């Protein structure tokens, strides 16, 4: 059987196929692998933080000090623009529409969605359609898979200025360690850097172990509207900026436009920090779960279309 060949034909397939299979197990038999030991460690979401840590370390290895400025100029500026748009739209939504929102989309759901990025999808697409610098930016995109930025934004909106910055710091440490080691010894970089592509199936499986497909599709129309807002508010300005200002192919913009599975748990985490958001946590989680599933499918397809269009123009 040509399993590997089939998976490679699907955009981001090395991540998405294991994630989909894992989500099926989590939806219909969520405790099947909870038997302890190595089985539970590898076939549930318990391994996710370790896998993300390894990916951050390896992406740091690829950050050559000589090319770091190039990464910051491209992906760094795209991420900064994304954060700016998310902050502006979130501020307007809260102040003119309110926390309840419209069409079943609360301010909590919209804010989390606009600030988020799926670094696993980004990495898979960068491996397929990008270059070494695009892959090295994985660590930067990983910062958007944390609840730190929505937490800071909502805190400023509510005049609460005390936050837990440890998730941000814990993500940066393996990146910095990898960056230092990779620049001290090229052999270390060459030895570890291929791991980024090899761990994608394990990352996909661990992410899928937190996605309940039934709960995701319960959000219905509001979930569809949230996905449209996510794409419509972010992709056009980011794509134009990348094409017209950065003079690159636009694939990075698309790669940054998918929701991380971790974001499903953000509404509950933020509601614990901001009690006024408690009434919106359950509906926001359902909306975000739908967005995670849909963007995980559509974003790789969009990236392939943009990449192929660029190739035909060359």
C-alpha atoms as a PDB file:
ATOM      1  CA  UNK A   1       0.000   0.000   0.000  1.00  0.00           C
ATOM      2  CA  UNK A   2       1.261   3.474  -0.910  1.00  0.00           C
ATOM      3  CA  UNK A   3       0.112   5.119   2.332  1.00  0.00           C
ATOM      4  CA  UNK A   4       2.907   7.680   2.522  1.00  0.00           C
ATOM      5  CA  UNK A   5       2.447   8.676  -1.117  1.00  0.00           C
ATOM      6  CA  UNK A   6      -1.293   9.179  -0.591  1.00  0.00           C
ATOM      7  CA  UNK A   7      -0.723  11.329   2.517  1.00  0.00           C
ATOM      8  CA  UNK A   8       1.826  13.510   0.741  1.00  0.00           C
ATOM      9  CA  UNK A   9      -0.679  14.254  -2.025  1.00  0.00           C
ATOM     10  CA  UNK A  10      -2.935  16.003   0.509  1.00  0.00           C
ATOM     11  CA  UNK A  11      -1.871  19.560   1.474  1.00  0.00           C
ATOM     12  CA  UNK A  12      -0.421  19.341   5.026  1.00  0.00           C
ATOM     13  CA  UNK A  13      -1.456  15.667   4.956  1.00  0.00           C
ATOM     14  CA  UNK A  14       1.323  14.484   7.283  1.00  0.00           C
ATOM     15  CA  UNK A  15      -0.325  16.598   9.984  1.00  0.00           C
ATOM     16  CA  UNK A  16      -4.016  16.532   9.004  1.00  0.00           C
ATOM     17  CA  UNK A  17      -4.529  12.800   8.392  1.00  0.00           C
ATOM     18  CA  UNK A  18      -3.241  11.740  11.850  1.00  0.00           C
ATOM     19  CA  UNK A  19      -5.170  14.659  13.413  1.00  0.00           C
ATOM     20  CA  UNK A  20      -8.423  13.575  11.766  1.00  0.00           C
ATOM     21  CA  UNK A  21      -7.993   9.915  12.740  1.00  0.00           C
ATOM     22  CA  UNK A  22      -7.125  10.909  16.299  1.00  0.00           C
ATOM     23  CA  UNK A  23     -10.163  13.221  16.516  1.00  0.00           C
ATOM     24  CA  UNK A  24     -12.398  10.310  15.471  1.00  0.00           C
ATOM     25  CA  UNK A  25     -11.064   8.242  18.372  1.00  0.00           C
ATOM     26  CA  UNK A  26     -11.464  11.207  20.746  1.00  0.00           C
ATOM     27  CA  UNK A  27     -15.042  11.789  19.548  1.00  0.00           C
ATOM     28  CA  UNK A  28     -16.363   8.217  19.708  1.00  0.00           C
ATOM     29  CA  UNK A  29     -13.958   6.470  22.134  1.00  0.00           C
ATOM     30  CA  UNK A  30     -12.242   9.200  24.158  1.00  0.00           C
ATOM     31  CA  UNK A  31     -10.860   6.887  26.851  1.00  0.00           C
ATOM     32  CA  UNK A  32      -9.727   4.054  24.574  1.00  0.00           C
ATOM     33  CA  UNK A  33      -6.008   4.742  25.037  1.00  0.00           C
ATOM     34  CA  UNK A  34      -6.178   5.782  28.704  1.00  0.00           C
ATOM     35  CA  UNK A  35      -4.462   2.635  29.923  1.00  0.00           C
ATOM     36  CA  UNK A  36      -1.338   4.282  31.283  1.00  0.00           C
ATOM     37  CA  UNK A  37       2.267   3.817  30.268  1.00  0.00           C
ATOM     38  CA  UNK A  38       3.680   4.541  26.842  1.00  0.00           C
ATOM     39  CA  UNK A  39       0.384   3.849  25.025  1.00  0.00           C
ATOM     40  CA  UNK A  40      -1.375   6.656  26.877  1.00  0.00           C
ATOM     41  CA  UNK A  41       1.655   8.910  26.521  1.00  0.00           C
ATOM     42  CA  UNK A  42       1.807   8.662  22.725  1.00  0.00           C
ATOM     43  CA  UNK A  43      -1.840   8.122  21.712  1.00  0.00           C
ATOM     44  CA  UNK A  44      -3.466  10.841  23.827  1.00  0.00           C
ATOM     45  CA  UNK A  45      -2.812  14.559  24.076  1.00  0.00           C
ATOM     46  CA  UNK A  46      -0.401  14.078  26.977  1.00  0.00           C
ATOM     47  CA  UNK A  47       2.603  14.254  24.663  1.00  0.00           C
ATOM     48  CA  UNK A  48       1.579  17.567  23.043  1.00  0.00           C
ATOM     49  CA  UNK A  49       3.688  19.932  25.150  1.00  0.00           C
ATOM     50  CA  UNK A  50       6.778  17.765  24.658  1.00  0.00           C
ATOM     51  CA  UNK A  51       6.253  17.641  20.881  1.00  0.00           C
ATOM     52  CA  UNK A  52       5.698  21.406  20.718  1.00  0.00           C
ATOM     53  CA  UNK A  53       8.843  21.902  22.807  1.00  0.00           C
ATOM     54  CA  UNK A  54      10.898  19.776  20.395  1.00  0.00           C
ATOM     55  CA  UNK A  55       9.461  21.687  17.429  1.00  0.00           C
ATOM     56  CA  UNK A  56      10.327  25.035  19.058  1.00  0.00           C
ATOM     57  CA  UNK A  57      13.871  23.799  19.794  1.00  0.00           C
ATOM     58  CA  UNK A  58      14.361  22.633  16.192  1.00  0.00           C
ATOM     59  CA  UNK A  59      12.945  25.858  14.747  1.00  0.00           C
ATOM     60  CA  UNK A  60      15.398  27.767  16.948  1.00  0.00           C
ATOM     61  CA  UNK A  61      18.227  25.691  15.471  1.00  0.00           C
ATOM     62  CA  UNK A  62      17.278  26.965  12.019  1.00  0.00           C
ATOM     63  CA  UNK A  63      17.419  30.609  13.091  1.00  0.00           C
ATOM     64  CA  UNK A  64      20.839  31.583  11.840  1.00  0.00           C
ATOM     65  CA  UNK A  65      21.907  34.918  13.323  1.00  0.00           C
ATOM     66  CA  UNK A  66      22.789  35.972   9.778  1.00  0.00           C
ATOM     67  CA  UNK A  67      19.226  35.396   8.534  1.00  0.00           C
ATOM     68  CA  UNK A  68      17.316  36.249  11.722  1.00  0.00           C
ATOM     69  CA  UNK A  69      16.562  39.734  10.456  1.00  0.00           C
ATOM     70  CA  UNK A  70      14.997  38.241   7.313  1.00  0.00           C
ATOM     71  CA  UNK A  71      12.664  36.090   9.437  1.00  0.00           C
ATOM     72  CA  UNK A  72      11.697  39.045  11.606  1.00  0.00           C
ATOM     73  CA  UNK A  73      11.176  41.242   8.562  1.00  0.00           C
ATOM     74  CA  UNK A  74       8.801  38.791   6.882  1.00  0.00           C
ATOM     75  CA  UNK A  75       6.990  36.626   9.437  1.00  0.00           C
ATOM     76  CA  UNK A  76       7.640  39.061  12.279  1.00  0.00           C
ATOM     77  CA  UNK A  77       5.984  41.938  10.429  1.00  0.00           C
ATOM     78  CA  UNK A  78       3.087  39.720   9.316  1.00  0.00           C
ATOM     79  CA  UNK A  79       2.482  38.608  12.901  1.00  0.00           C
ATOM     80  CA  UNK A  80       2.691  42.210  14.139  1.00  0.00           C
ATOM     81  CA  UNK A  81       0.123  43.283  11.533  1.00  0.00           C
ATOM     82  CA  UNK A  82      -2.122  40.360  12.499  1.00  0.00           C
ATOM     83  CA  UNK A  83      -1.968  41.373  16.170  1.00  0.00           C
ATOM     84  CA  UNK A  84      -2.740  44.980  15.260  1.00  0.00           C
ATOM     85  CA  UNK A  85      -5.797  44.012  13.205  1.00  0.00           C
ATOM     86  CA  UNK A  86      -7.013  41.629  15.931  1.00  0.00           C
ATOM     87  CA  UNK A  87      -6.654  44.352  18.565  1.00  0.00           C
ATOM     88  CA  UNK A  88      -8.449  46.983  16.466  1.00  0.00           C
ATOM     89  CA  UNK A  89     -11.346  44.710  15.450  1.00  0.00           C
ATOM     90  CA  UNK A  90     -11.671  43.320  18.975  1.00  0.00           C
ATOM     91  CA  UNK A  91     -11.786  46.813  20.470  1.00  0.00           C
ATOM     92  CA  UNK A  92     -14.466  47.961  18.025  1.00  0.00           C
ATOM     93  CA  UNK A  93     -16.506  44.774  18.502  1.00  0.00           C
ATOM     94  CA  UNK A  94     -16.513  45.041  22.296  1.00  0.00           C
ATOM     95  CA  UNK A  95     -17.249  48.773  22.403  1.00  0.00           C
ATOM     96  CA  UNK A  96     -19.876  48.992  19.650  1.00  0.00           C
ATOM     97  CA  UNK A  97     -21.519  45.550  19.726  1.00  0.00           C
ATOM     98  CA  UNK A  98     -20.750  44.300  23.225  1.00  0.00           C
ATOM     99  CA  UNK A  99     -19.583  41.098  24.880  1.00  0.00           C
ATOM    100  CA  UNK A 100     -22.732  39.241  23.773  1.00  0.00           C
ATOM    101  CA  UNK A 101     -21.883  39.845  20.125  1.00  0.00           C
ATOM    102  CA  UNK A 102     -24.178  39.058  17.210  1.00  0.00           C
ATOM    103  CA  UNK A 103     -25.152  35.901  15.270  1.00  0.00           C
ATOM    104  CA  UNK A 104     -24.113  33.770  18.240  1.00  0.00           C
ATOM    105  CA  UNK A 105     -20.510  34.998  18.099  1.00  0.00           C
ATOM    106  CA  UNK A 106     -19.449  36.504  21.421  1.00  0.00           C
ATOM    107  CA  UNK A 107     -16.593  38.960  21.752  1.00  0.00           C
ATOM    108  CA  UNK A 108     -14.676  36.209  23.559  1.00  0.00           C
ATOM    109  CA  UNK A 109     -14.926  33.858  20.562  1.00  0.00           C
ATOM    110  CA  UNK A 110     -13.976  36.541  18.050  1.00  0.00           C
ATOM    111  CA  UNK A 111     -10.990  37.848  20.019  1.00  0.00           C
ATOM    112  CA  UNK A 112      -9.511  34.382  20.561  1.00  0.00           C
ATOM    113  CA  UNK A 113     -10.022  33.512  16.882  1.00  0.00           C
ATOM    114  CA  UNK A 114      -8.419  36.660  15.457  1.00  0.00           C
ATOM    115  CA  UNK A 115      -5.346  36.429  17.686  1.00  0.00           C
ATOM    116  CA  UNK A 116      -4.773  32.724  17.063  1.00  0.00           C
ATOM    117  CA  UNK A 117      -2.603  30.815  14.611  1.00  0.00           C
ATOM    118  CA  UNK A 118      -1.986  27.100  14.186  1.00  0.00           C
ATOM    119  CA  UNK A 119       1.826  26.707  14.181  1.00  0.00           C
ATOM    120  CA  UNK A 120       1.552  23.032  13.221  1.00  0.00           C
ATOM    121  CA  UNK A 121      -0.343  23.890  10.023  1.00  0.00           C
ATOM    122  CA  UNK A 122       2.122  26.707   9.383  1.00  0.00           C
ATOM    123  CA  UNK A 123       5.086  24.371   9.803  1.00  0.00           C
ATOM    124  CA  UNK A 124       3.599  21.719   7.539  1.00  0.00           C
ATOM    125  CA  UNK A 125       2.911  24.263   4.784  1.00  0.00           C
ATOM    126  CA  UNK A 126       6.305  25.938   5.212  1.00  0.00           C
ATOM    127  CA  UNK A 127       7.956  22.536   4.841  1.00  0.00           C
ATOM    128  CA  UNK A 128       5.993  21.939   1.619  1.00  0.00           C
ATOM    129  CA  UNK A 129       5.896  25.344  -0.061  1.00  0.00           C
ATOM    130  CA  UNK A 130       8.396  27.542   1.771  1.00  0.00           C
ATOM    131  CA  UNK A 131      12.124  27.900   2.287  1.00  0.00           C
ATOM    132  CA  UNK A 132      14.496  27.448   5.210  1.00  0.00           C
ATOM    133  CA  UNK A 133      13.683  30.875   6.660  1.00  0.00           C
ATOM    134  CA  UNK A 134       9.935  30.185   6.497  1.00  0.00           C
ATOM    135  CA  UNK A 135      10.425  26.938   8.431  1.00  0.00           C
ATOM    136  CA  UNK A 136      12.638  28.692  10.979  1.00  0.00           C
ATOM    137  CA  UNK A 137       9.779  31.083  11.789  1.00  0.00           C
ATOM    138  CA  UNK A 138       7.803  28.228  13.388  1.00  0.00           C
ATOM    139  CA  UNK A 139       8.873  29.377  16.844  1.00  0.00           C
ATOM    140  CA  UNK A 140       7.426  32.837  16.266  1.00  0.00           C
ATOM    141  CA  UNK A 141       4.098  31.411  15.103  1.00  0.00           C
ATOM    142  CA  UNK A 142       4.045  29.215  18.199  1.00  0.00           C
ATOM    143  CA  UNK A 143       3.543  32.336  20.310  1.00  0.00           C
ATOM    144  CA  UNK A 144       0.141  32.779  18.643  1.00  0.00           C
ATOM    145  CA  UNK A 145      -1.001  29.339  19.773  1.00  0.00           C
ATOM    146  CA  UNK A 146      -0.966  30.556  23.385  1.00  0.00           C
ATOM    147  CA  UNK A 147      -3.692  32.498  25.230  1.00  0.00           C
ATOM    148  CA  UNK A 148      -1.204  35.221  26.176  1.00  0.00           C
ATOM    149  CA  UNK A 149      -2.168  37.832  23.569  1.00  0.00           C
ATOM    150  CA  UNK A 150      -5.959  37.498  24.027  1.00  0.00           C
ATOM    151  CA  UNK A 151      -5.354  37.624  27.779  1.00  0.00           C
ATOM    152  CA  UNK A 152      -3.337  40.835  27.523  1.00  0.00           C
ATOM    153  CA  UNK A 153      -5.911  42.397  25.191  1.00  0.00           C
ATOM    154  CA  UNK A 154      -8.907  41.498  27.376  1.00  0.00           C
ATOM    155  CA  UNK A 155      -6.997  42.637  30.446  1.00  0.00           C
ATOM    156  CA  UNK A 156      -6.376  46.047  28.917  1.00  0.00           C
ATOM    157  CA  UNK A 157     -10.026  46.264  27.891  1.00  0.00           C
ATOM    158  CA  UNK A 158     -11.067  45.599  31.489  1.00  0.00           C
ATOM    159  CA  UNK A 159      -8.191  47.594  33.063  1.00  0.00           C
ATOM    160  CA  UNK A 160      -6.715  44.409  34.545  1.00  0.00           C
ATOM    161  CA  UNK A 161      -2.922  44.537  34.189  1.00  0.00           C
ATOM    162  CA  UNK A 162      -1.757  41.415  36.079  1.00  0.00           C
ATOM    163  CA  UNK A 163      -1.053  38.420  33.828  1.00  0.00           C
ATOM    164  CA  UNK A 164       0.719  35.092  33.895  1.00  0.00           C
ATOM    165  CA  UNK A 165       3.560  35.452  31.396  1.00  0.00           C
ATOM    166  CA  UNK A 166       5.042  32.009  32.069  1.00  0.00           C
ATOM    167  CA  UNK A 167       3.434  30.326  28.992  1.00  0.00           C
ATOM    168  CA  UNK A 168       5.150  32.934  26.821  1.00  0.00           C
ATOM    169  CA  UNK A 169       8.499  32.468  28.548  1.00  0.00           C
ATOM    170  CA  UNK A 170       8.254  28.658  28.438  1.00  0.00           C
ATOM    171  CA  UNK A 171       7.796  28.832  24.652  1.00  0.00           C
ATOM    172  CA  UNK A 172      10.733  31.176  24.131  1.00  0.00           C
ATOM    173  CA  UNK A 173      13.265  29.155  26.165  1.00  0.00           C
ATOM    174  CA  UNK A 174      13.548  26.106  23.808  1.00  0.00           C
ATOM    175  CA  UNK A 175      13.667  28.485  20.821  1.00  0.00           C
ATOM    176  CA  UNK A 176      16.555  30.440  22.347  1.00  0.00           C
ATOM    177  CA  UNK A 177      18.415  27.278  23.402  1.00  0.00           C
ATOM    178  CA  UNK A 178      18.110  25.877  19.876  1.00  0.00           C
ATOM    179  CA  UNK A 179      19.177  29.188  18.359  1.00  0.00           C
ATOM    180  CA  UNK A 180      22.328  29.361  20.492  1.00  0.00           C
ATOM    181  CA  UNK A 181      23.333  25.726  19.881  1.00  0.00           C
ATOM    182  CA  UNK A 182      22.624  25.938  16.154  1.00  0.00           C
ATOM    183  CA  UNK A 183      24.805  29.012  15.763  1.00  0.00           C
ATOM    184  CA  UNK A 184      27.610  27.574  17.894  1.00  0.00           C
ATOM    185  CA  UNK A 185      27.840  24.302  15.973  1.00  0.00           C
ATOM    186  CA  UNK A 186      26.551  23.704  12.433  1.00  0.00           C
ATOM    187  CA  UNK A 187      26.691  19.913  12.981  1.00  0.00           C
ATOM    188  CA  UNK A 188      24.155  20.177  15.809  1.00  0.00           C
ATOM    189  CA  UNK A 189      21.858  22.141  13.491  1.00  0.00           C
ATOM    190  CA  UNK A 190      22.242  19.561  10.720  1.00  0.00           C
ATOM    191  CA  UNK A 191      21.583  16.671  13.109  1.00  0.00           C
ATOM    192  CA  UNK A 192      18.371  17.962  14.710  1.00  0.00           C
ATOM    193  CA  UNK A 193      16.739  20.139  12.063  1.00  0.00           C
ATOM    194  CA  UNK A 194      15.240  17.230  10.021  1.00  0.00           C
ATOM    195  CA  UNK A 195      13.141  16.371  13.093  1.00  0.00           C
ATOM    196  CA  UNK A 196      10.739  19.214  12.299  1.00  0.00           C
ATOM    197  CA  UNK A 197       9.222  17.338   9.389  1.00  0.00           C
ATOM    198  CA  UNK A 198       9.361  13.951  11.112  1.00  0.00           C
ATOM    199  CA  UNK A 199       7.357  14.950  14.202  1.00  0.00           C
ATOM    200  CA  UNK A 200       4.393  16.398  12.271  1.00  0.00           C
ATOM    201  CA  UNK A 201       2.359  13.127  12.342  1.00  0.00           C
ATOM    202  CA  UNK A 202       2.838  12.884  16.126  1.00  0.00           C
ATOM    203  CA  UNK A 203       1.891  16.539  16.551  1.00  0.00           C
ATOM    204  CA  UNK A 204      -1.221  16.013  14.433  1.00  0.00           C
ATOM    205  CA  UNK A 205      -2.272  12.990  16.491  1.00  0.00           C
ATOM    206  CA  UNK A 206      -1.787  14.834  19.787  1.00  0.00           C
ATOM    207  CA  UNK A 207      -3.782  17.827  18.525  1.00  0.00           C
ATOM    208  CA  UNK A 208      -6.611  15.604  17.314  1.00  0.00           C
ATOM    209  CA  UNK A 209      -6.904  14.091  20.782  1.00  0.00           C
ATOM    210  CA  UNK A 210      -8.547  17.331  21.949  1.00  0.00           C
ATOM    211  CA  UNK A 211     -11.089  17.776  19.119  1.00  0.00           C
ATOM    212  CA  UNK A 212     -14.609  16.435  19.513  1.00  0.00           C
ATOM    213  CA  UNK A 213     -16.090  16.527  15.998  1.00  0.00           C
ATOM    214  CA  UNK A 214     -19.697  16.349  17.210  1.00  0.00           C
ATOM    215  CA  UNK A 215     -19.264  19.349  19.521  1.00  0.00           C
ATOM    216  CA  UNK A 216     -17.483  21.234  16.745  1.00  0.00           C
ATOM    217  CA  UNK A 217     -20.338  20.915  14.252  1.00  0.00           C
ATOM    218  CA  UNK A 218     -23.007  21.786  16.824  1.00  0.00           C
ATOM    219  CA  UNK A 219     -22.116  25.472  16.437  1.00  0.00           C
ATOM    220  CA  UNK A 220     -23.669  25.469  12.946  1.00  0.00           C
ATOM    221  CA  UNK A 221     -24.270  28.871  11.355  1.00  0.00           C
ATOM    222  CA  UNK A 222     -22.372  30.852  13.994  1.00  0.00           C
ATOM    223  CA  UNK A 223     -19.307  28.679  13.426  1.00  0.00           C
ATOM    224  CA  UNK A 224     -19.488  29.282   9.679  1.00  0.00           C
ATOM    225  CA  UNK A 225     -19.760  33.055  10.208  1.00  0.00           C
ATOM    226  CA  UNK A 226     -16.786  32.974  12.578  1.00  0.00           C
ATOM    227  CA  UNK A 227     -14.656  31.207   9.953  1.00  0.00           C
ATOM    228  CA  UNK A 228     -15.699  33.766   7.326  1.00  0.00           C
ATOM    229  CA  UNK A 229     -14.765  36.617   9.682  1.00  0.00           C
ATOM    230  CA  UNK A 230     -11.428  34.965  10.438  1.00  0.00           C
ATOM    231  CA  UNK A 231     -10.535  34.661   6.770  1.00  0.00           C
ATOM    232  CA  UNK A 232     -12.171  37.890   5.606  1.00  0.00           C
ATOM    233  CA  UNK A 233     -10.694  40.199   8.231  1.00  0.00           C
ATOM    234  CA  UNK A 234      -7.163  38.798   8.217  1.00  0.00           C
ATOM    235  CA  UNK A 235      -6.198  37.305   4.853  1.00  0.00           C
ATOM    236  CA  UNK A 236      -6.861  40.302   2.524  1.00  0.00           C
ATOM    237  CA  UNK A 237      -4.761  42.892   4.438  1.00  0.00           C
ATOM    238  CA  UNK A 238      -2.010  40.408   5.306  1.00  0.00           C
ATOM    239  CA  UNK A 239      -1.854  39.064   1.752  1.00  0.00           C
ATOM    240  CA  UNK A 240      -1.676  42.557   0.242  1.00  0.00           C
ATOM    241  CA  UNK A 241       1.026  43.534   2.729  1.00  0.00           C
ATOM    242  CA  UNK A 242       3.079  40.446   1.934  1.00  0.00           C
ATOM    243  CA  UNK A 243       2.710  40.826  -1.831  1.00  0.00           C
ATOM    244  CA  UNK A 244       3.025  44.604  -2.202  1.00  0.00           C
ATOM    245  CA  UNK A 245       5.293  45.586   0.690  1.00  0.00           C
ATOM    246  CA  UNK A 246       7.383  42.485   1.442  1.00  0.00           C
ATOM    247  CA  UNK A 247       7.415  41.424  -2.232  1.00  0.00           C
ATOM    248  CA  UNK A 248       7.004  37.714  -1.424  1.00  0.00           C
ATOM    249  CA  UNK A 249       4.581  35.070  -2.693  1.00  0.00           C
ATOM    250  CA  UNK A 250       1.755  35.362  -0.147  1.00  0.00           C
ATOM    251  CA  UNK A 251       1.913  31.724   0.983  1.00  0.00           C
ATOM    252  CA  UNK A 252       3.060  32.720   4.483  1.00  0.00           C
ATOM    253  CA  UNK A 253      -0.124  34.747   4.937  1.00  0.00           C
ATOM    254  CA  UNK A 254      -2.250  31.714   4.115  1.00  0.00           C
ATOM    255  CA  UNK A 255      -0.087  29.444   6.297  1.00  0.00           C
ATOM    256  CA  UNK A 256      -0.689  31.772   9.260  1.00  0.00           C
ATOM    257  CA  UNK A 257      -4.460  31.531   8.761  1.00  0.00           C
ATOM    258  CA  UNK A 258      -5.559  28.402  10.597  1.00  0.00           C
ATOM    259  CA  UNK A 259      -6.913  27.904  14.111  1.00  0.00           C
ATOM    260  CA  UNK A 260      -4.944  25.824  16.659  1.00  0.00           C
ATOM    261  CA  UNK A 261      -6.629  22.959  18.484  1.00  0.00           C
ATOM    262  CA  UNK A 262      -5.340  24.371  21.766  1.00  0.00           C
ATOM    263  CA  UNK A 263      -7.617  27.391  21.293  1.00  0.00           C
ATOM    264  CA  UNK A 264     -10.668  25.252  22.099  1.00  0.00           C
ATOM    265  CA  UNK A 265      -9.649  25.440  25.748  1.00  0.00           C
ATOM    266  CA  UNK A 266      -8.924  29.184  25.743  1.00  0.00           C
ATOM    267  CA  UNK A 267     -12.505  30.357  26.532  1.00  0.00           C
ATOM    268  CA  UNK A 268     -12.514  28.391  29.784  1.00  0.00           C
ATOM    269  CA  UNK A 269      -9.009  29.591  30.697  1.00  0.00           C
ATOM    270  CA  UNK A 270      -9.885  33.238  30.015  1.00  0.00           C
ATOM    271  CA  UNK A 271     -13.222  32.963  31.825  1.00  0.00           C
ATOM    272  CA  UNK A 272     -11.289  31.842  34.913  1.00  0.00           C
ATOM    273  CA  UNK A 273      -9.177  35.006  34.679  1.00  0.00           C
ATOM    274  CA  UNK A 274     -12.063  37.322  33.730  1.00  0.00           C
ATOM    275  CA  UNK A 275     -15.243  36.080  35.526  1.00  0.00           C
ATOM    276  CA  UNK A 276     -17.449  38.404  33.458  1.00  0.00           C
ATOM    277  CA  UNK A 277     -16.776  36.196  30.434  1.00  0.00           C
ATOM    278  CA  UNK A 278     -18.083  33.028  32.113  1.00  0.00           C
ATOM    279  CA  UNK A 279     -21.516  33.078  30.379  1.00  0.00           C
ATOM    280  CA  UNK A 280     -19.842  33.014  26.959  1.00  0.00           C
ATOM    281  CA  UNK A 281     -17.231  30.286  27.540  1.00  0.00           C
ATOM    282  CA  UNK A 282     -19.248  27.255  26.398  1.00  0.00           C
ATOM    283  CA  UNK A 283     -20.592  28.782  23.167  1.00  0.00           C
ATOM    284  CA  UNK A 284     -17.191  30.287  22.334  1.00  0.00           C
ATOM    285  CA  UNK A 285     -15.516  26.877  22.729  1.00  0.00           C
ATOM    286  CA  UNK A 286     -18.055  25.290  20.339  1.00  0.00           C
ATOM    287  CA  UNK A 287     -17.573  28.051  17.750  1.00  0.00           C
ATOM    288  CA  UNK A 288     -13.793  27.784  17.969  1.00  0.00           C
ATOM    289  CA  UNK A 289     -13.875  23.984  17.696  1.00  0.00           C
ATOM    290  CA  UNK A 290     -15.783  24.345  14.420  1.00  0.00           C
ATOM    291  CA  UNK A 291     -13.255  26.926  13.189  1.00  0.00           C
ATOM    292  CA  UNK A 292     -10.374  24.602  14.083  1.00  0.00           C
ATOM    293  CA  UNK A 293     -11.801  21.765  11.988  1.00  0.00           C
ATOM    294  CA  UNK A 294     -12.765  23.901   8.974  1.00  0.00           C
ATOM    295  CA  UNK A 295      -9.600  26.022   8.791  1.00  0.00           C
ATOM    296  CA  UNK A 296      -7.440  22.917   9.207  1.00  0.00           C
ATOM    297  CA  UNK A 297      -9.003  21.629   5.984  1.00  0.00           C
ATOM    298  CA  UNK A 298      -9.380  24.839   3.962  1.00  0.00           C
ATOM    299  CA  UNK A 299      -6.105  26.610   4.769  1.00  0.00           C
ATOM    300  CA  UNK A 300      -3.816  23.938   3.232  1.00  0.00           C
ATOM    301  CA  UNK A 301      -6.026  23.923   0.126  1.00  0.00           C
ATOM    302  CA  UNK A 302      -5.821  27.723  -0.157  1.00  0.00           C
ATOM    303  CA  UNK A 303      -2.040  27.609   0.331  1.00  0.00           C
ATOM    304  CA  UNK A 304      -1.682  25.054  -2.464  1.00  0.00           C
ATOM    305  CA  UNK A 305      -3.799  27.198  -4.801  1.00  0.00           C
ATOM    306  CA  UNK A 306      -1.713  30.319  -4.073  1.00  0.00           C
ATOM    307  CA  UNK A 307       1.548  28.398  -4.469  1.00  0.00           C
ATOM    308  CA  UNK A 308       0.521  26.826  -7.784  1.00  0.00           C
ATOM    309  CA  UNK A 309      -0.699  30.174  -9.100  1.00  0.00           C
ATOM    310  CA  UNK A 310       2.680  31.706  -8.297  1.00  0.00           C
ATOM    311  CA  UNK A 311       4.469  28.821 -10.031  1.00  0.00           C
ATOM    312  CA  UNK A 312       2.476  29.277 -13.231  1.00  0.00           C
ATOM    313  CA  UNK A 313       3.423  32.988 -13.321  1.00  0.00           C
ATOM    314  CA  UNK A 314       7.141  32.216 -13.085  1.00  0.00           C
END
